[in-house]
Amino acid sequence: MVGTCTALHLQARGFDVVLIDRRSPGLETSYGNAGLIQQEAVEPYAMPRDPVFLLQSALGLRSEVSWHANAIPQMLPALWRYYKNSTAEKHALATRAYGLLTAHATSEHQPLITKSQSEYLISKSGFRFIYRTQQAFDDGCARAARLHKDYGVASQILDSTALAKAEPALRIAMAGSVHWLESWAVSDPGALVQRYANLFVAKGGQILHGDANTLGQHSTNWHVQTDAGDVTASQIVIALGPWANAFVKKLGYDMPLFIKRGYHQHYKRPTRLSMPLLDYEKGYVIAPMQQGMRLTTGAEFARIDAPATPIQLQKTQSLAHELVGLEDPLPTPPWLGSRPCTADMLPIMGAAPKHKGMWFNFGHSHQGFTHGPVSGRLLAEMISKEAPLVDMASFSPARF
């Protein structure tokens, strides 16, 4: 999503753009998410600092988090910085910058949705957080009130009775829900990226298959090998998502990047839900999709190339079955992907400090799908020397 939207916005400003990927756009990380354009996501995901939560996570007792022991030593420096940046004070500072991106999430998606004729993929009925306990519901209501006051985020509160009426498919009584009214759901997120990529091609853009590891620089130009031969350009944007960390390290950049892996599985759709649901205290999302009902998991801390360990998916499947009777997984195997995260919870967007003509646009964590269009616009504005839509200081690669 991020790379495709960057290409579209550069193209719109008169640049001759080639989009290079090892696969077709929309088949990697942007394919496998919960399909949400989260207008309510003004706060980045902080690391929980509650000792009980951390201990339970370490012992594998929670459904939201799992981890591989052999990955932690390599990830530990970035995770430690993530922990330190997750204090209330530092998280509030990060939110001020992060919220600037989210404020333009749907307004930047909409023109691309219209131009790519993708309205059939979009539902604008919102997204629910549902809560199992009264304490969590009370905290959720207080957060909703705060986000409305501070950022204008619109929501509707439903108590247990009202939620049961609104979502009769729920099999157990919940304490209540927060319905985020302005978030959008996408019934096939990979297809939306592909529609955006088709728009890019229809406007004269070129998409080639290639390997970023062949990138080199001769004089003032960059070149990369593709299936159509060598491609040369004076400027290049690195939008490699979870693969950015290993790539930029080879170029001499030491950034506190890490990944959170996640899984999804599709199921037959006898369950009727009016919109996607986040089971807040258990950390998974159930979302109606064209392929079936999609169950997406929380975070797995593992190496990007480690074999799949879908323990977390099995835990959440049991919880989802308890909640809505989710059963009969489709014969397709579970999907596994990685979210590109930074220790300060903010994406990295701007000029590469050590390489003229190179630009970075990665590190969007859980919200690359939501922030792709606005991030693409902002980077295109910087490259074309326009005044960016928002202040970009907080996202500069030079901060590291």
Protein backbone atom coordinates (compact mmCIF):
# COMPACT_ATOMS: atom_id res chain seq x y z
CA MET A 1 0.00 0.00 0.00
CA VAL A 2 2.73 2.48 0.97
CA GLY A 3 4.86 1.92 -2.12
CA THR A 4 1.94 1.91 -4.54
CA CYS A 5 0.49 5.12 -3.12
CA THR A 6 3.91 6.78 -3.24
CA ALA A 7 4.19 5.86 -6.91
CA LEU A 8 0.72 7.27 -7.63
CA HIS A 9 1.44 10.58 -5.90
CA LEU A 10 4.81 11.01 -7.63
CA GLN A 11 3.18 10.21 -10.95
CA ALA A 12 0.51 12.85 -10.30
CA ARG A 13 3.29 15.43 -9.86
CA GLY A 14 4.77 14.73 -13.28
CA PHE A 15 7.50 12.24 -12.39
CA ASP A 16 8.22 9.28 -14.66
CA VAL A 17 7.81 6.45 -12.15
CA VAL A 18 8.67 2.75 -12.26
CA LEU A 19 7.28 0.62 -9.42
CA ILE A 20 9.51 -2.39 -8.76
CA ASP A 21 8.45 -5.31 -6.58
CA ARG A 22 9.47 -8.93 -6.28
CA ARG A 23 5.77 -9.83 -6.65
CA SER A 24 2.74 -7.96 -7.86
CA PRO A 25 1.50 -5.16 -5.56
CA GLY A 26 -0.90 -6.23 -2.82
CA LEU A 27 0.39 -9.77 -2.33
CA GLU A 28 2.55 -9.26 0.76
CA THR A 29 1.89 -7.43 4.03
CA SER A 30 -0.94 -5.30 2.63
CA TYR A 31 -2.81 -8.44 1.60
CA GLY A 32 -3.07 -10.06 4.99
CA ASN A 33 -4.30 -7.39 7.40
CA ALA A 34 -7.76 -6.98 8.89
CA GLY A 35 -8.79 -4.72 5.99
CA LEU A 36 -9.40 -1.62 8.09
CA ILE A 37 -8.84 2.03 7.25
CA GLN A 38 -8.74 3.12 10.86
CA GLN A 39 -9.79 6.73 11.19
CA GLU A 40 -9.90 6.18 14.96
CA ALA A 41 -6.24 5.07 15.12
CA VAL A 42 -4.80 8.39 16.24
CA GLU A 43 -2.63 6.67 18.86
CA PRO A 44 0.18 4.29 17.90
CA TYR A 45 0.38 0.91 19.62
CA ALA A 46 2.52 1.27 22.74
CA MET A 47 4.17 -1.66 24.47
CA PRO A 48 2.12 -2.57 27.56
CA ARG A 49 4.12 -1.77 30.70
CA ASP A 50 1.96 -3.63 33.19
CA PRO A 51 4.22 -6.21 34.91
CA VAL A 52 1.45 -8.80 35.09
CA PHE A 53 0.76 -8.48 31.35
CA LEU A 54 4.47 -8.76 30.56
CA LEU A 55 4.93 -11.80 32.79
CA GLN A 56 1.90 -13.56 31.35
CA SER A 57 3.14 -12.77 27.83
CA ALA A 58 6.60 -14.11 28.66
CA LEU A 59 5.03 -17.33 29.94
CA GLY A 60 2.87 -17.72 26.82
CA LEU A 61 -0.37 -17.31 28.76
CA ARG A 62 -1.94 -14.57 26.62
CA SER A 63 -3.57 -14.69 23.20
CA GLU A 64 -2.38 -11.23 22.12
CA VAL A 65 1.35 -11.97 22.13
CA SER A 66 3.66 -14.85 21.29
CA TRP A 67 7.40 -14.98 20.77
CA HIS A 68 10.36 -17.03 19.60
CA ALA A 69 13.25 -17.26 22.05
CA ASN A 70 15.89 -17.26 19.31
CA ALA A 71 14.61 -13.92 17.94
CA ILE A 72 14.69 -11.91 21.17
CA PRO A 73 18.47 -11.29 21.45
CA GLN A 74 18.56 -9.65 18.03
CA MET A 75 15.37 -7.66 18.68
CA LEU A 76 16.14 -6.73 22.28
CA PRO A 77 17.83 -3.33 21.70
CA ALA A 78 14.88 -2.08 19.63
CA LEU A 79 12.32 -3.64 22.01
CA TRP A 80 14.00 -1.99 24.99
CA ARG A 81 13.75 1.40 23.26
CA TYR A 82 10.13 0.59 22.39
CA TYR A 83 9.45 -0.10 26.08
CA LYS A 84 11.09 3.16 27.16
CA ASN A 85 9.17 5.13 24.52
CA SER A 86 5.88 3.64 25.76
CA THR A 87 5.66 5.72 28.92
CA ALA A 88 2.52 7.84 29.09
CA GLU A 89 4.48 11.03 28.47
CA LYS A 90 6.47 9.79 25.47
CA HIS A 91 3.47 8.00 24.00
CA ALA A 92 1.51 11.25 24.15
CA LEU A 93 4.28 13.00 22.21
CA ALA A 94 4.29 10.26 19.58
CA THR A 95 0.50 10.50 19.32
CA ARG A 96 0.68 14.19 18.44
CA ALA A 97 2.67 13.32 15.33
CA TYR A 98 0.93 10.02 14.55
CA GLY A 99 -2.49 11.63 14.79
CA LEU A 100 -1.53 14.06 12.03
CA LEU A 101 -1.32 11.12 9.62
CA THR A 102 -4.52 9.45 10.79
CA ALA A 103 -6.45 12.72 10.44
CA HIS A 104 -6.02 12.35 6.67
CA ALA A 105 -6.55 8.59 6.40
CA THR A 106 -9.98 8.37 4.79
CA SER A 107 -9.76 11.73 3.01
CA GLU A 108 -6.60 10.56 1.20
CA HIS A 109 -7.95 7.08 0.45
CA GLN A 110 -11.20 8.38 -1.01
CA PRO A 111 -9.81 9.99 -4.20
CA LEU A 112 -7.88 6.82 -4.98
CA ILE A 113 -10.93 4.66 -4.25
CA THR A 114 -13.00 6.80 -6.62
CA LYS A 115 -10.41 6.96 -9.41
CA SER A 116 -9.71 3.23 -9.21
CA GLN A 117 -13.45 2.41 -9.13
CA SER A 118 -13.05 0.46 -5.91
CA GLU A 119 -16.16 1.51 -4.00
CA TYR A 120 -17.48 -2.05 -4.20
CA LEU A 121 -14.70 -3.10 -1.81
CA ILE A 122 -15.48 -0.47 0.83
CA SER A 123 -17.94 -0.47 3.72
CA LYS A 124 -18.26 2.79 5.64
CA SER A 125 -20.35 1.42 8.51
CA GLY A 126 -17.45 1.49 10.98
CA PHE A 127 -15.60 -0.88 13.27
CA ARG A 128 -16.31 -2.15 16.81
CA PHE A 129 -14.14 -2.70 19.85
CA ILE A 130 -15.99 -5.18 22.08
CA TYR A 131 -15.19 -5.68 25.77
CA ARG A 132 -15.65 -8.76 27.95
CA THR A 133 -15.31 -7.15 31.39
CA GLN A 134 -16.89 -4.06 32.88
CA GLN A 135 -13.51 -2.58 33.81
CA ALA A 136 -12.21 -2.85 30.26
CA PHE A 137 -15.49 -1.40 28.93
CA ASP A 138 -15.30 1.53 31.33
CA ASP A 139 -11.70 2.18 30.26
CA GLY A 140 -12.73 1.94 26.61
CA CYS A 141 -15.54 4.45 27.10
CA ALA A 142 -13.16 6.85 28.83
CA ARG A 143 -10.66 6.51 25.98
CA ALA A 144 -13.40 7.13 23.40
CA ALA A 145 -14.42 10.29 25.24
CA ARG A 146 -10.80 11.45 25.36
CA LEU A 147 -10.19 10.81 21.66
CA HIS A 148 -13.35 12.71 20.78
CA LYS A 149 -12.32 15.65 22.93
CA ASP A 150 -8.70 15.77 21.77
CA TYR A 151 -8.96 14.62 18.15
CA GLY A 152 -12.62 14.75 17.15
CA VAL A 153 -12.87 10.96 16.77
CA ALA A 154 -16.54 10.00 16.53
CA SER A 155 -17.87 6.92 18.30
CA GLN A 156 -21.04 5.37 19.69
CA ILE A 157 -21.18 3.51 23.00
CA LEU A 158 -23.36 0.41 23.30
CA ASP A 159 -23.97 -1.30 26.62
CA SER A 160 -24.36 -5.06 26.91
CA THR A 161 -28.05 -5.09 25.96
CA ALA A 162 -27.68 -2.71 23.03
CA LEU A 163 -24.65 -4.63 21.71
CA ALA A 164 -26.51 -7.95 21.85
CA LYS A 165 -29.30 -6.38 19.81
CA ALA A 166 -26.91 -4.81 17.28
CA GLU A 167 -24.85 -8.01 16.89
CA PRO A 168 -27.18 -10.97 17.48
CA ALA A 169 -24.48 -13.37 16.28
CA LEU A 170 -22.62 -12.90 19.57
CA ARG A 171 -23.01 -16.09 21.58
CA ILE A 172 -21.84 -14.77 24.94
CA ALA A 173 -22.77 -11.64 26.84
CA MET A 174 -20.24 -8.83 26.50
CA ALA A 175 -19.92 -5.82 28.78
CA GLY A 176 -20.34 -3.43 25.87
CA SER A 177 -18.67 -1.91 22.83
CA VAL A 178 -17.27 1.23 21.28
CA HIS A 179 -18.36 1.65 17.67
CA TRP A 180 -15.86 3.81 15.77
CA LEU A 181 -18.16 5.50 13.31
CA GLU A 182 -15.72 6.94 10.78
CA SER A 183 -13.46 3.95 10.14
CA TRP A 184 -13.90 1.96 6.93
CA ALA A 185 -13.72 -1.77 6.23
CA VAL A 186 -12.29 -3.28 3.04
CA SER A 187 -13.60 -6.65 1.94
CA ASP A 188 -10.37 -7.58 0.14
CA PRO A 189 -7.37 -5.43 1.15
CA GLY A 190 -5.02 -7.03 -1.36
CA ALA A 191 -7.49 -6.29 -4.14
CA LEU A 192 -7.65 -2.62 -3.12
CA VAL A 193 -3.86 -2.32 -3.46
CA GLN A 194 -4.10 -4.04 -6.84
CA ARG A 195 -6.81 -1.58 -7.96
CA TYR A 196 -4.56 1.32 -6.95
CA ALA A 197 -1.69 -0.30 -8.88
CA ASN A 198 -3.93 -0.74 -11.93
CA LEU A 199 -4.75 2.97 -11.74
CA PHE A 200 -1.02 3.73 -11.71
CA VAL A 201 -0.53 1.63 -14.86
CA ALA A 202 -3.59 3.14 -16.57
CA LYS A 203 -2.05 6.58 -16.09
CA GLY A 204 1.18 5.51 -17.78
CA GLY A 205 3.14 3.99 -14.90
CA GLN A 206 5.21 0.87 -15.25
CA ILE A 207 5.34 -2.07 -12.81
CA LEU A 208 8.29 -4.45 -13.06
CA HIS A 209 9.43 -7.46 -11.07
CA GLY A 210 12.85 -7.07 -9.53
CA ASP A 211 15.00 -7.56 -6.44
CA ALA A 212 15.89 -4.54 -4.32
CA ASN A 213 19.14 -6.25 -3.35
CA THR A 214 20.46 -5.55 -6.85
CA LEU A 215 20.28 -1.81 -6.20
CA GLY A 216 23.47 0.07 -6.96
CA GLN A 217 24.65 3.61 -7.64
CA HIS A 218 26.77 4.83 -10.54
CA SER A 219 27.71 8.48 -10.52
CA THR A 220 24.50 10.36 -9.74
CA ASN A 221 22.09 7.63 -10.85
CA TRP A 222 20.63 4.56 -9.18
CA HIS A 223 20.08 1.32 -11.02
CA VAL A 224 18.33 -1.95 -10.21
CA GLN A 225 17.88 -5.20 -12.10
CA THR A 226 14.36 -6.21 -13.17
CA ASP A 227 12.79 -8.82 -15.41
CA ALA A 228 12.86 -6.16 -18.14
CA GLY A 229 16.54 -5.40 -17.66
CA ASP A 230 18.42 -2.67 -15.85
CA VAL A 231 16.34 0.34 -14.72
CA THR A 232 18.10 3.65 -14.04
CA ALA A 233 16.76 6.65 -12.12
CA SER A 234 18.11 9.76 -10.46
CA GLN A 235 15.90 9.22 -7.40
CA ILE A 236 14.67 6.10 -5.65
CA VAL A 237 12.16 5.46 -2.87
CA ILE A 238 12.72 2.56 -0.48
CA ALA A 239 9.27 1.30 0.61
CA LEU A 240 10.18 -2.24 1.62
CA GLY A 241 7.95 -2.58 4.68
CA PRO A 242 9.21 -5.35 6.98
CA TRP A 243 12.20 -6.03 4.72
CA ALA A 244 13.48 -2.46 5.07
CA ASN A 245 15.56 -3.12 8.19
CA ALA A 246 17.92 -5.66 6.66
CA PHE A 247 18.18 -3.60 3.49
CA VAL A 248 19.10 -0.28 5.06
CA LYS A 249 21.58 -1.94 7.42
CA LYS A 250 23.61 -2.94 4.37
CA LEU A 251 23.66 0.75 3.43
CA GLY A 252 25.06 1.74 6.82
CA TYR A 253 21.88 2.76 8.66
CA ASP A 254 21.36 1.49 12.20
CA MET A 255 17.71 2.13 13.03
CA PRO A 256 15.66 0.64 15.90
CA LEU A 257 13.41 -1.40 13.63
CA PHE A 258 11.75 -4.71 14.44
CA ILE A 259 8.82 -6.75 13.19
CA LYS A 260 5.62 -8.09 14.67
CA ARG A 261 4.40 -11.08 12.74
CA GLY A 262 0.72 -11.86 12.41
CA TYR A 263 -1.52 -14.61 11.04
CA HIS A 264 -4.92 -14.84 9.45
CA GLN A 265 -7.27 -17.66 8.53
CA HIS A 266 -10.49 -17.59 6.55
CA TYR A 267 -13.64 -19.45 7.61
CA LYS A 268 -17.01 -20.16 6.09
CA ARG A 269 -19.43 -17.30 6.70
CA PRO A 270 -22.60 -18.52 8.44
CA THR A 271 -21.88 -15.88 11.11
CA ARG A 272 -23.56 -12.54 10.43
CA LEU A 273 -21.66 -9.53 11.69
CA SER A 274 -22.63 -5.99 10.81
CA MET A 275 -18.98 -4.88 10.78
CA PRO A 276 -15.50 -6.04 11.86
CA LEU A 277 -15.02 -6.69 15.57
CA LEU A 278 -11.91 -6.38 17.73
CA ASP A 279 -12.14 -8.59 20.82
CA TYR A 280 -10.18 -6.00 22.77
CA GLU A 281 -9.06 -8.02 25.77
CA LYS A 282 -8.02 -10.99 23.64
CA GLY A 283 -6.29 -9.12 20.82
CA TYR A 284 -7.81 -10.50 17.61
CA VAL A 285 -10.09 -9.18 14.88
CA ILE A 286 -12.94 -10.92 13.07
CA ALA A 287 -13.75 -9.25 9.74
CA PRO A 288 -16.18 -10.23 6.96
CA MET A 289 -14.21 -10.60 3.72
CA GLN A 290 -14.96 -11.67 0.17
CA GLN A 291 -12.92 -14.84 0.82
CA GLY A 292 -14.87 -15.65 4.00
CA MET A 293 -14.73 -14.58 7.62
CA ARG A 294 -11.16 -13.49 8.34
CA LEU A 295 -9.63 -14.02 11.77
CA THR A 296 -6.44 -12.00 12.31
CA THR A 297 -4.10 -12.37 15.29
CA GLY A 298 -2.08 -10.04 17.48
CA ALA A 299 1.72 -9.86 17.55
CA GLU A 300 4.31 -12.62 17.25
CA PHE A 301 7.90 -11.57 17.92
CA ALA A 302 9.99 -13.75 15.62
CA ARG A 303 12.53 -13.57 12.83
CA ILE A 304 10.97 -12.54 9.56
CA ASP A 305 12.02 -15.81 7.89
CA ALA A 306 11.24 -18.14 10.82
CA PRO A 307 8.90 -21.08 10.14
CA ALA A 308 5.25 -20.46 10.96
CA THR A 309 4.15 -21.31 14.50
CA PRO A 310 0.39 -20.69 14.43
CA ILE A 311 -0.13 -21.30 18.17
CA GLN A 312 -1.57 -17.82 18.51
CA LEU A 313 -4.00 -18.51 15.68
CA GLN A 314 -5.19 -21.66 17.44
CA LYS A 315 -5.77 -19.74 20.68
CA THR A 316 -7.74 -16.99 18.97
CA GLN A 317 -9.72 -19.48 16.91
CA SER A 318 -11.01 -21.03 20.14
CA LEU A 319 -11.90 -17.61 21.52
CA ALA A 320 -13.63 -16.58 18.29
CA HIS A 321 -15.58 -19.82 18.20
CA GLU A 322 -16.73 -19.14 21.75
CA LEU A 323 -17.77 -15.65 20.70
CA VAL A 324 -19.50 -16.14 17.34
CA GLY A 325 -19.36 -19.86 16.53
CA LEU A 326 -16.47 -19.45 14.10
CA GLU A 327 -15.64 -22.87 12.68
CA ASP A 328 -15.02 -24.67 9.40
CA PRO A 329 -11.78 -23.04 8.26
CA LEU A 330 -11.44 -22.87 4.49
CA PRO A 331 -8.91 -25.31 2.99
CA THR A 332 -6.43 -22.53 2.22
CA PRO A 333 -3.49 -22.57 4.68
CA PRO A 334 -3.12 -19.82 7.29
CA TRP A 335 -1.44 -16.67 6.04
CA LEU A 336 1.63 -15.25 7.78
CA GLY A 337 3.02 -11.75 7.38
CA SER A 338 5.10 -9.14 9.19
CA ARG A 339 4.41 -5.60 10.38
CA PRO A 340 7.34 -3.14 10.07
CA CYS A 341 7.72 -1.39 13.44
CA THR A 342 9.92 1.34 14.90
CA ALA A 343 10.94 1.79 18.52
CA ASP A 344 9.40 5.28 18.70
CA MET A 345 6.17 4.09 17.00
CA LEU A 346 6.48 6.58 14.12
CA PRO A 347 7.15 5.76 10.45
CA ILE A 348 10.40 6.77 8.74
CA MET A 349 9.70 9.15 5.87
CA GLY A 350 12.14 11.48 4.18
CA ALA A 351 15.54 11.80 2.54
CA ALA A 352 18.17 9.17 3.35
CA PRO A 353 20.85 11.09 5.27
CA LYS A 354 23.84 9.34 3.68
CA HIS A 355 22.69 8.83 0.07
CA LYS A 356 21.72 11.58 -2.34
CA GLY A 357 18.60 10.79 -4.35
CA MET A 358 17.39 8.07 -1.94
CA TRP A 359 14.18 8.43 0.05
CA PHE A 360 12.70 6.28 2.81
CA ASN A 361 9.02 5.46 3.34
CA PHE A 362 8.65 2.54 5.76
CA GLY A 363 8.12 1.64 9.42
CA HIS A 364 4.34 2.14 9.47
CA SER A 365 3.80 -0.65 11.99
CA HIS A 366 0.11 -1.64 12.26
CA GLN A 367 -1.16 1.17 10.03
CA GLY A 368 0.59 0.96 6.67
CA PHE A 369 -2.75 0.12 5.06
CA THR A 370 -4.44 3.09 6.75
CA HIS A 371 -1.59 5.57 6.25
CA GLY A 372 -0.43 4.50 2.78
CA PRO A 373 -2.12 7.26 0.76
CA VAL A 374 -1.21 10.13 3.09
CA SER A 375 2.36 8.81 3.46
CA GLY A 376 2.67 8.57 -0.31
CA ARG A 377 1.44 12.12 -0.68
CA LEU A 378 3.81 13.46 1.96
CA LEU A 379 6.86 11.81 0.43
CA ALA A 380 5.89 12.99 -3.06
CA GLU A 381 5.51 16.52 -1.71
CA MET A 382 8.99 16.41 -0.20
CA ILE A 383 10.57 15.03 -3.38
CA SER A 384 8.85 17.67 -5.50
CA LYS A 385 9.85 20.38 -2.99
CA GLU A 386 6.27 21.28 -2.10
CA ALA A 387 5.22 22.26 1.41
CA PRO A 388 4.12 18.95 3.00
CA LEU A 389 0.56 18.56 4.20
CA VAL A 390 1.84 18.07 7.78
CA ASP A 391 5.05 18.85 9.66
CA MET A 392 7.49 16.05 8.79
CA ALA A 393 10.13 16.64 11.47
CA SER A 394 8.92 13.77 13.68
CA PHE A 395 9.20 11.27 10.83
CA SER A 396 12.65 12.23 9.53
CA PRO A 397 15.19 9.40 9.09
CA ALA A 398 17.77 11.76 10.60
CA ARG A 399 16.16 11.34 14.05
CA PHE A 400 18.06 8.07 14.35
